[in-house]
Each structure stands twice: as structure tokens, then as C-alpha cells.
Amino acid sequence: MDEGRVLLTQDKDFGELAYRGGLPAECGVILSRIPPETPVLLASALAGALENPLDWAGHFAVIEPGRIRLRPLPVSPDQAGP
């Protein structure tokens, strides 16, 4: 996550670890809870959600059918100010 990228995952356990891991503010995590019925349907649903003009960086997002939940990533103790 040193490159300030936004990570897309379907692994709920990884999403939880990343959320609690104190990522830098320029990073982000998107957890997809869209059922992977077929690769084409999953890709289409995710592409539609990612077209949303949200600020993904610095947030933990959960994409579900018909809904996107977005909350700021928690600040790790080493990122907190004095």
C-alpha cells in the first residue's frame, strides 16, 4: 500500500485486516459483497459501482447489490498528530 492505491477484494477477512491495519490516508479498500454469479456479471456490477464519483482513497467501502457503504479508514497511532 506504499503506492497510495485502492485495493478491491472479495475476501471479507482481508477487508477487516486492512481496515484495522492503519493504512495511509491516500490508500483505500473496496470490499465487494456482490455474488460472483458469473465473471461477466461481477465485472459489470463492479464497473458500474466504480463509475460512482466517490472519493475511494482514504476510505473503506463495501459494495453490495444496489448499495455502497463508505467510511473513513481509521488513523493508526503512528499517523496521528502530536
PDB file of N, CA and C in Angstrom:
ATOM      1  N   MET A   1       0.805  -1.192   0.000  1.00  0.00           N
ATOM      2  CA  MET A   1       0.000   0.000   0.000  1.00  0.00           C
ATOM      3  C   MET A   1       0.857   1.268   0.000  1.00  0.00           C
ATOM      4  N   ASP A   2       2.139   1.122  -0.226  1.00  0.00           N
ATOM      5  CA  ASP A   2       3.027   2.284  -0.238  1.00  0.00           C
ATOM      6  C   ASP A   2       2.781   3.190  -1.432  1.00  0.00           C
ATOM      7  N   GLU A   3       2.089   2.710  -2.446  1.00  0.00           N
ATOM      8  CA  GLU A   3       1.889   3.475  -3.670  1.00  0.00           C
ATOM      9  C   GLU A   3       0.584   4.269  -3.671  1.00  0.00           C
ATOM     10  N   GLY A   4      -0.153   4.255  -2.581  1.00  0.00           N
ATOM     11  CA  GLY A   4      -1.384   5.029  -2.498  1.00  0.00           C
ATOM     12  C   GLY A   4      -2.489   4.517  -3.399  1.00  0.00           C
ATOM     13  N   ARG A   5      -2.573   3.237  -3.562  1.00  0.00           N
ATOM     14  CA  ARG A   5      -3.594   2.654  -4.434  1.00  0.00           C
ATOM     15  C   ARG A   5      -4.828   2.240  -3.650  1.00  0.00           C
ATOM     16  N   VAL A   6      -5.897   2.000  -4.379  1.00  0.00           N
ATOM     17  CA  VAL A   6      -7.130   1.494  -3.792  1.00  0.00           C
ATOM     18  C   VAL A   6      -7.217   0.020  -4.156  1.00  0.00           C
ATOM     19  N   LEU A   7      -7.436  -0.813  -3.147  1.00  0.00           N
ATOM     20  CA  LEU A   7      -7.466  -2.258  -3.325  1.00  0.00           C
ATOM     21  C   LEU A   7      -8.905  -2.744  -3.393  1.00  0.00           C
ATOM     22  N   LEU A   8      -9.201  -3.611  -4.342  1.00  0.00           N
ATOM     23  CA  LEU A   8     -10.511  -4.229  -4.487  1.00  0.00           C
ATOM     24  C   LEU A   8     -10.386  -5.693  -4.086  1.00  0.00           C
ATOM     25  N   THR A   9     -11.234  -6.139  -3.154  1.00  0.00           N
ATOM     26  CA  THR A   9     -11.180  -7.521  -2.693  1.00  0.00           C
ATOM     27  C   THR A   9     -12.580  -8.069  -2.480  1.00  0.00           C
ATOM     28  N   GLN A  10     -12.682  -9.391  -2.490  1.00  0.00           N
ATOM     29  CA  GLN A  10     -13.920 -10.074  -2.118  1.00  0.00           C
ATOM     30  C   GLN A  10     -13.716 -10.874  -0.844  1.00  0.00           C
ATOM     31  N   ASP A  11     -12.522 -10.792  -0.275  1.00  0.00           N
ATOM     32  CA  ASP A  11     -12.156 -11.531   0.925  1.00  0.00           C
ATOM     33  C   ASP A  11     -12.527 -10.716   2.161  1.00  0.00           C
ATOM     34  N   LYS A  12     -13.590 -11.107   2.841  1.00  0.00           N
ATOM     35  CA  LYS A  12     -14.082 -10.349   3.985  1.00  0.00           C
ATOM     36  C   LYS A  12     -13.038 -10.283   5.101  1.00  0.00           C
ATOM     37  N   ASP A  13     -12.330 -11.378   5.348  1.00  0.00           N
ATOM     38  CA  ASP A  13     -11.304 -11.373   6.393  1.00  0.00           C
ATOM     39  C   ASP A  13     -10.176 -10.403   6.050  1.00  0.00           C
ATOM     40  N   PHE A  14      -9.747 -10.394   4.790  1.00  0.00           N
ATOM     41  CA  PHE A  14      -8.702  -9.450   4.391  1.00  0.00           C
ATOM     42  C   PHE A  14      -9.202  -8.018   4.516  1.00  0.00           C
ATOM     43  N   GLY A  15     -10.432  -7.781   4.126  1.00  0.00           N
ATOM     44  CA  GLY A  15     -11.007  -6.443   4.243  1.00  0.00           C
ATOM     45  C   GLY A  15     -10.978  -5.952   5.674  1.00  0.00           C
ATOM     46  N   GLU A  16     -11.304  -6.831   6.614  1.00  0.00           N
ATOM     47  CA  GLU A  16     -11.283  -6.475   8.034  1.00  0.00           C
ATOM     48  C   GLU A  16      -9.856  -6.179   8.498  1.00  0.00           C
ATOM     49  N   LEU A  17      -8.896  -7.009   8.092  1.00  0.00           N
ATOM     50  CA  LEU A  17      -7.493  -6.763   8.459  1.00  0.00           C
ATOM     51  C   LEU A  17      -6.995  -5.441   7.886  1.00  0.00           C
ATOM     52  N   ALA A  18      -7.341  -5.172   6.646  1.00  0.00           N
ATOM     53  CA  ALA A  18      -6.910  -3.925   6.014  1.00  0.00           C
ATOM     54  C   ALA A  18      -7.545  -2.723   6.706  1.00  0.00           C
ATOM     55  N   TYR A  19      -8.804  -2.852   7.106  1.00  0.00           N
ATOM     56  CA  TYR A  19      -9.494  -1.750   7.779  1.00  0.00           C
ATOM     57  C   TYR A  19      -8.809  -1.423   9.106  1.00  0.00           C
ATOM     58  N   ARG A  20      -8.439  -2.435   9.832  1.00  0.00           N
ATOM     59  CA  ARG A  20      -7.835  -2.227  11.151  1.00  0.00           C
ATOM     60  C   ARG A  20      -6.324  -2.024  11.082  1.00  0.00           C
ATOM     61  N   GLY A  21      -5.744  -2.125   9.884  1.00  0.00           N
ATOM     62  CA  GLY A  21      -4.294  -2.077   9.736  1.00  0.00           C
ATOM     63  C   GLY A  21      -3.669  -0.697   9.716  1.00  0.00           C
ATOM     64  N   GLY A  22      -4.445   0.357   9.802  1.00  0.00           N
ATOM     65  CA  GLY A  22      -3.884   1.696   9.823  1.00  0.00           C
ATOM     66  C   GLY A  22      -3.239   2.086   8.502  1.00  0.00           C
ATOM     67  N   LEU A  23      -3.962   1.935   7.418  1.00  0.00           N
ATOM     68  CA  LEU A  23      -3.432   2.296   6.109  1.00  0.00           C
ATOM     69  C   LEU A  23      -3.265   3.801   5.988  1.00  0.00           C
ATOM     70  N   PRO A  24      -2.305   4.246   5.176  1.00  0.00           N
ATOM     71  CA  PRO A  24      -2.160   5.688   4.940  1.00  0.00           C
ATOM     72  C   PRO A  24      -3.430   6.271   4.330  1.00  0.00           C
ATOM     73  N   ALA A  25      -3.673   7.546   4.574  1.00  0.00           N
ATOM     74  CA  ALA A  25      -4.905   8.205   4.144  1.00  0.00           C
ATOM     75  C   ALA A  25      -5.096   8.189   2.636  1.00  0.00           C
ATOM     76  N   GLU A  26      -4.030   8.076   1.866  1.00  0.00           N
ATOM     77  CA  GLU A  26      -4.188   8.078   0.408  1.00  0.00           C
ATOM     78  C   GLU A  26      -4.556   6.698  -0.144  1.00  0.00           C
ATOM     79  N   CYS A  27      -4.576   5.679   0.704  1.00  0.00           N
ATOM     80  CA  CYS A  27      -4.972   4.331   0.288  1.00  0.00           C
ATOM     81  C   CYS A  27      -6.467   4.148   0.499  1.00  0.00           C
ATOM     82  N   GLY A  28      -6.984   3.085  -0.031  1.00  0.00           N
ATOM     83  CA  GLY A  28      -8.387   2.761   0.176  1.00  0.00           C
ATOM     84  C   GLY A  28      -8.618   1.281  -0.035  1.00  0.00           C
ATOM     85  N   VAL A  29      -9.715   0.781   0.506  1.00  0.00           N
ATOM     86  CA  VAL A  29     -10.083  -0.621   0.353  1.00  0.00           C
ATOM     87  C   VAL A  29     -11.539  -0.675  -0.060  1.00  0.00           C
ATOM     88  N   ILE A  30     -11.817  -1.459  -1.082  1.00  0.00           N
ATOM     89  CA  ILE A  30     -13.187  -1.699  -1.522  1.00  0.00           C
ATOM     90  C   ILE A  30     -13.451  -3.192  -1.362  1.00  0.00           C
ATOM     91  N   LEU A  31     -14.426  -3.531  -0.530  1.00  0.00           N
ATOM     92  CA  LEU A  31     -14.831  -4.913  -0.312  1.00  0.00           C
ATOM     93  C   LEU A  31     -16.089  -5.172  -1.127  1.00  0.00           C
ATOM     94  N   SER A  32     -15.998  -6.085  -2.070  1.00  0.00           N
ATOM     95  CA  SER A  32     -17.146  -6.427  -2.905  1.00  0.00           C
ATOM     96  C   SER A  32     -17.942  -7.535  -2.243  1.00  0.00           C
ATOM     97  N   ARG A  33     -19.215  -7.271  -2.020  1.00  0.00           N
ATOM     98  CA  ARG A  33     -20.137  -8.274  -1.494  1.00  0.00           C
ATOM     99  C   ARG A  33     -21.153  -8.636  -2.571  1.00  0.00           C
ATOM    100  N   ILE A  34     -20.758  -8.448  -3.822  1.00  0.00           N
ATOM    101  CA  ILE A  34     -21.608  -8.792  -4.959  1.00  0.00           C
ATOM    102  C   ILE A  34     -21.384 -10.271  -5.264  1.00  0.00           C
ATOM    103  N   PRO A  35     -22.442 -11.072  -5.277  1.00  0.00           N
ATOM    104  CA  PRO A  35     -22.274 -12.501  -5.553  1.00  0.00           C
ATOM    105  C   PRO A  35     -21.625 -12.728  -6.920  1.00  0.00           C
ATOM    106  N   PRO A  36     -20.587 -13.535  -6.963  1.00  0.00           N
ATOM    107  CA  PRO A  36     -19.892 -13.781  -8.237  1.00  0.00           C
ATOM    108  C   PRO A  36     -20.598 -14.839  -9.083  1.00  0.00           C
ATOM    109  N   GLU A  37     -21.823 -14.515  -9.523  1.00  0.00           N
ATOM    110  CA  GLU A  37     -22.612 -15.482 -10.294  1.00  0.00           C
ATOM    111  C   GLU A  37     -21.865 -15.907 -11.560  1.00  0.00           C
ATOM    112  N   THR A  38     -21.392 -14.948 -12.312  1.00  0.00           N
ATOM    113  CA  THR A  38     -20.526 -15.223 -13.455  1.00  0.00           C
ATOM    114  C   THR A  38     -19.498 -14.098 -13.487  1.00  0.00           C
ATOM    115  N   PRO A  39     -18.321 -14.357 -14.015  1.00  0.00           N
ATOM    116  CA  PRO A  39     -17.308 -13.299 -14.096  1.00  0.00           C
ATOM    117  C   PRO A  39     -17.797 -12.052 -14.837  1.00  0.00           C
ATOM    118  N   VAL A  40     -18.597 -12.235 -15.873  1.00  0.00           N
ATOM    119  CA  VAL A  40     -19.082 -11.101 -16.657  1.00  0.00           C
ATOM    120  C   VAL A  40     -20.049 -10.250 -15.839  1.00  0.00           C
ATOM    121  N   LEU A  41     -20.988 -10.884 -15.135  1.00  0.00           N
ATOM    122  CA  LEU A  41     -21.937 -10.139 -14.302  1.00  0.00           C
ATOM    123  C   LEU A  41     -21.222  -9.433 -13.150  1.00  0.00           C
ATOM    124  N   LEU A  42     -20.255 -10.097 -12.543  1.00  0.00           N
ATOM    125  CA  LEU A  42     -19.494  -9.487 -11.454  1.00  0.00           C
ATOM    126  C   LEU A  42     -18.717  -8.276 -11.958  1.00  0.00           C
ATOM    127  N   ALA A  43     -18.032  -8.424 -13.068  1.00  0.00           N
ATOM    128  CA  ALA A  43     -17.258  -7.318 -13.639  1.00  0.00           C
ATOM    129  C   ALA A  43     -18.160  -6.149 -14.002  1.00  0.00           C
ATOM    130  N   SER A  44     -19.306  -6.428 -14.575  1.00  0.00           N
ATOM    131  CA  SER A  44     -20.244  -5.379 -14.950  1.00  0.00           C
ATOM    132  C   SER A  44     -20.762  -4.633 -13.717  1.00  0.00           C
ATOM    133  N   ALA A  45     -21.130  -5.374 -12.667  1.00  0.00           N
ATOM    134  CA  ALA A  45     -21.634  -4.747 -11.446  1.00  0.00           C
ATOM    135  C   ALA A  45     -20.558  -3.898 -10.777  1.00  0.00           C
ATOM    136  N   LEU A  46     -19.331  -4.406 -10.722  1.00  0.00           N
ATOM    137  CA  LEU A  46     -18.242  -3.642 -10.108  1.00  0.00           C
ATOM    138  C   LEU A  46     -17.893  -2.406 -10.930  1.00  0.00           C
ATOM    139  N   ALA A  47     -17.879  -2.543 -12.246  1.00  0.00           N
ATOM    140  CA  ALA A  47     -17.582  -1.393 -13.113  1.00  0.00           C
ATOM    141  C   ALA A  47     -18.630  -0.310 -12.902  1.00  0.00           C
ATOM    142  N   GLY A  48     -19.881  -0.698 -12.793  1.00  0.00           N
ATOM    143  CA  GLY A  48     -20.945   0.280 -12.554  1.00  0.00           C
ATOM    144  C   GLY A  48     -20.768   0.987 -11.221  1.00  0.00           C
ATOM    145  N   ALA A  49     -20.393   0.242 -10.187  1.00  0.00           N
ATOM    146  CA  ALA A  49     -20.192   0.847  -8.871  1.00  0.00           C
ATOM    147  C   ALA A  49     -18.982   1.779  -8.875  1.00  0.00           C
ATOM    148  N   LEU A  50     -17.918   1.380  -9.562  1.00  0.00           N
ATOM    149  CA  LEU A  50     -16.697   2.190  -9.577  1.00  0.00           C
ATOM    150  C   LEU A  50     -16.844   3.460 -10.404  1.00  0.00           C
ATOM    151  N   GLU A  51     -17.859   3.523 -11.262  1.00  0.00           N
ATOM    152  CA  GLU A  51     -18.123   4.751 -12.017  1.00  0.00           C
ATOM    153  C   GLU A  51     -18.716   5.838 -11.125  1.00  0.00           C
ATOM    154  N   ASN A  52     -19.158   5.456  -9.938  1.00  0.00           N
ATOM    155  CA  ASN A  52     -19.705   6.407  -8.981  1.00  0.00           C
ATOM    156  C   ASN A  52     -18.607   7.406  -8.600  1.00  0.00           C
ATOM    157  N   PRO A  53     -18.887   8.691  -8.592  1.00  0.00           N
ATOM    158  CA  PRO A  53     -17.849   9.699  -8.340  1.00  0.00           C
ATOM    159  C   PRO A  53     -17.495   9.852  -6.857  1.00  0.00           C
ATOM    160  N   LEU A  54     -17.298   8.748  -6.172  1.00  0.00           N
ATOM    161  CA  LEU A  54     -16.928   8.795  -4.760  1.00  0.00           C
ATOM    162  C   LEU A  54     -15.419   8.924  -4.623  1.00  0.00           C
ATOM    163  N   ASP A  55     -14.983   9.451  -3.507  1.00  0.00           N
ATOM    164  CA  ASP A  55     -13.555   9.521  -3.212  1.00  0.00           C
ATOM    165  C   ASP A  55     -13.169   8.225  -2.501  1.00  0.00           C
ATOM    166  N   TRP A  56     -12.678   7.263  -3.258  1.00  0.00           N
ATOM    167  CA  TRP A  56     -12.363   5.950  -2.709  1.00  0.00           C
ATOM    168  C   TRP A  56     -11.132   6.005  -1.801  1.00  0.00           C
ATOM    169  N   ALA A  57     -10.178   6.898  -2.099  1.00  0.00           N
ATOM    170  CA  ALA A  57      -8.944   6.990  -1.310  1.00  0.00           C
ATOM    171  C   ALA A  57      -9.270   7.420   0.114  1.00  0.00           C
ATOM    172  N   GLY A  58      -8.607   6.769   1.072  1.00  0.00           N
ATOM    173  CA  GLY A  58      -8.801   7.111   2.475  1.00  0.00           C
ATOM    174  C   GLY A  58     -10.055   6.529   3.085  1.00  0.00           C
ATOM    175  N   HIS A  59     -10.716   5.637   2.340  1.00  0.00           N
ATOM    176  CA  HIS A  59     -11.982   5.073   2.810  1.00  0.00           C
ATOM    177  C   HIS A  59     -11.999   3.553   2.705  1.00  0.00           C
ATOM    178  N   PHE A  60     -12.845   2.963   3.508  1.00  0.00           N
ATOM    179  CA  PHE A  60     -13.180   1.556   3.409  1.00  0.00           C
ATOM    180  C   PHE A  60     -14.593   1.510   2.855  1.00  0.00           C
ATOM    181  N   ALA A  61     -14.747   0.899   1.705  1.00  0.00           N
ATOM    182  CA  ALA A  61     -16.057   0.847   1.050  1.00  0.00           C
ATOM    183  C   ALA A  61     -16.526  -0.599   0.948  1.00  0.00           C
ATOM    184  N   VAL A  62     -17.810  -0.778   1.095  1.00  0.00           N
ATOM    185  CA  VAL A  62     -18.433  -2.082   0.892  1.00  0.00           C
ATOM    186  C   VAL A  62     -19.452  -1.900  -0.223  1.00  0.00           C
ATOM    187  N   ILE A  63     -19.254  -2.653  -1.300  1.00  0.00           N
ATOM    188  CA  ILE A  63     -20.174  -2.600  -2.440  1.00  0.00           C
ATOM    189  C   ILE A  63     -21.073  -3.823  -2.371  1.00  0.00           C
ATOM    190  N   GLU A  64     -22.370  -3.568  -2.281  1.00  0.00           N
ATOM    191  CA  GLU A  64     -23.376  -4.624  -2.252  1.00  0.00           C
ATOM    192  C   GLU A  64     -24.352  -4.361  -3.388  1.00  0.00           C
ATOM    193  N   PRO A  65     -25.137  -5.344  -3.776  1.00  0.00           N
ATOM    194  CA  PRO A  65     -26.125  -5.086  -4.827  1.00  0.00           C
ATOM    195  C   PRO A  65     -27.044  -3.920  -4.439  1.00  0.00           C
ATOM    196  N   GLY A  66     -27.019  -2.856  -5.226  1.00  0.00           N
ATOM    197  CA  GLY A  66     -27.886  -1.706  -5.002  1.00  0.00           C
ATOM    198  C   GLY A  66     -27.453  -0.753  -3.911  1.00  0.00           C
ATOM    199  N   ARG A  67     -26.251  -0.930  -3.338  1.00  0.00           N
ATOM    200  CA  ARG A  67     -25.836  -0.082  -2.219  1.00  0.00           C
ATOM    201  C   ARG A  67     -24.321  -0.022  -2.098  1.00  0.00           C
ATOM    202  N   ILE A  68     -23.806   1.152  -1.736  1.00  0.00           N
ATOM    203  CA  ILE A  68     -22.389   1.331  -1.441  1.00  0.00           C
ATOM    204  C   ILE A  68     -22.284   1.993  -0.074  1.00  0.00           C
ATOM    205  N   ARG A  69     -21.558   1.362   0.833  1.00  0.00           N
ATOM    206  CA  ARG A  69     -21.299   1.955   2.148  1.00  0.00           C
ATOM    207  C   ARG A  69     -19.847   2.425   2.162  1.00  0.00           C
ATOM    208  N   LEU A  70     -19.634   3.625   2.654  1.00  0.00           N
ATOM    209  CA  LEU A  70     -18.304   4.234   2.627  1.00  0.00           C
ATOM    210  C   LEU A  70     -18.024   4.844   3.994  1.00  0.00           C
ATOM    211  N   ARG A  71     -16.873   4.494   4.576  1.00  0.00           N
ATOM    212  CA  ARG A  71     -16.485   5.119   5.838  1.00  0.00           C
ATOM    213  C   ARG A  71     -14.980   5.362   5.832  1.00  0.00           C
ATOM    214  N   PRO A  72     -14.545   6.409   6.532  1.00  0.00           N
ATOM    215  CA  PRO A  72     -13.115   6.721   6.549  1.00  0.00           C
ATOM    216  C   PRO A  72     -12.317   5.598   7.199  1.00  0.00           C
ATOM    217  N   LEU A  73     -11.111   5.373   6.683  1.00  0.00           N
ATOM    218  CA  LEU A  73     -10.218   4.413   7.325  1.00  0.00           C
ATOM    219  C   LEU A  73      -9.775   4.999   8.656  1.00  0.00           C
ATOM    220  N   PRO A  74      -9.648   4.145   9.678  1.00  0.00           N
ATOM    221  CA  PRO A  74      -9.186   4.656  10.965  1.00  0.00           C
ATOM    222  C   PRO A  74      -7.722   5.085  10.876  1.00  0.00           C
ATOM    223  N   VAL A  75      -7.354   6.069  11.665  1.00  0.00           N
ATOM    224  CA  VAL A  75      -5.994   6.559  11.680  1.00  0.00           C
ATOM    225  C   VAL A  75      -5.180   5.708  12.635  1.00  0.00           C
ATOM    226  N   SER A  76      -4.019   5.213  12.146  1.00  0.00           N
ATOM    227  CA  SER A  76      -3.154   4.427  13.011  1.00  0.00           C
ATOM    228  C   SER A  76      -2.447   5.343  13.996  1.00  0.00           C
ATOM    229  N   PRO A  77      -1.993   4.834  15.133  1.00  0.00           N
ATOM    230  CA  PRO A  77      -1.333   5.673  16.136  1.00  0.00           C
ATOM    231  C   PRO A  77      -0.104   6.402  15.594  1.00  0.00           C
ATOM    232  N   ASP A  78       0.643   5.793  14.676  1.00  0.00           N
ATOM    233  CA  ASP A  78       1.838   6.464  14.137  1.00  0.00           C
ATOM    234  C   ASP A  78       1.476   7.556  13.130  1.00  0.00           C
ATOM    235  N   GLN A  79       0.230   7.611  12.650  1.00  0.00           N
ATOM    236  CA  GLN A  79      -0.209   8.663  11.738  1.00  0.00           C
ATOM    237  C   GLN A  79      -0.866   9.823  12.471  1.00  0.00           C
ATOM    238  N   ALA A  80      -1.262   9.580  13.719  1.00  0.00           N
ATOM    239  CA  ALA A  80      -1.933  10.613  14.488  1.00  0.00           C
ATOM    240  C   ALA A  80      -0.951  11.725  14.832  1.00  0.00           C
ATOM    241  N   GLY A  81      -1.456  12.919  14.874  1.00  0.00           N
ATOM    242  CA  GLY A  81      -0.621  14.075  15.197  1.00  0.00           C
ATOM    243  C   GLY A  81      -0.219  14.087  16.660  1.00  0.00           C
ATOM    244  N   PRO A  82       0.631  15.034  17.049  1.00  0.00           N
ATOM    245  CA  PRO A  82       1.093  15.120  18.438  1.00  0.00           C
ATOM    246  C   PRO A  82      -0.018  15.473  19.407  1.00  0.00           C
TER     247      PRO A  82
END
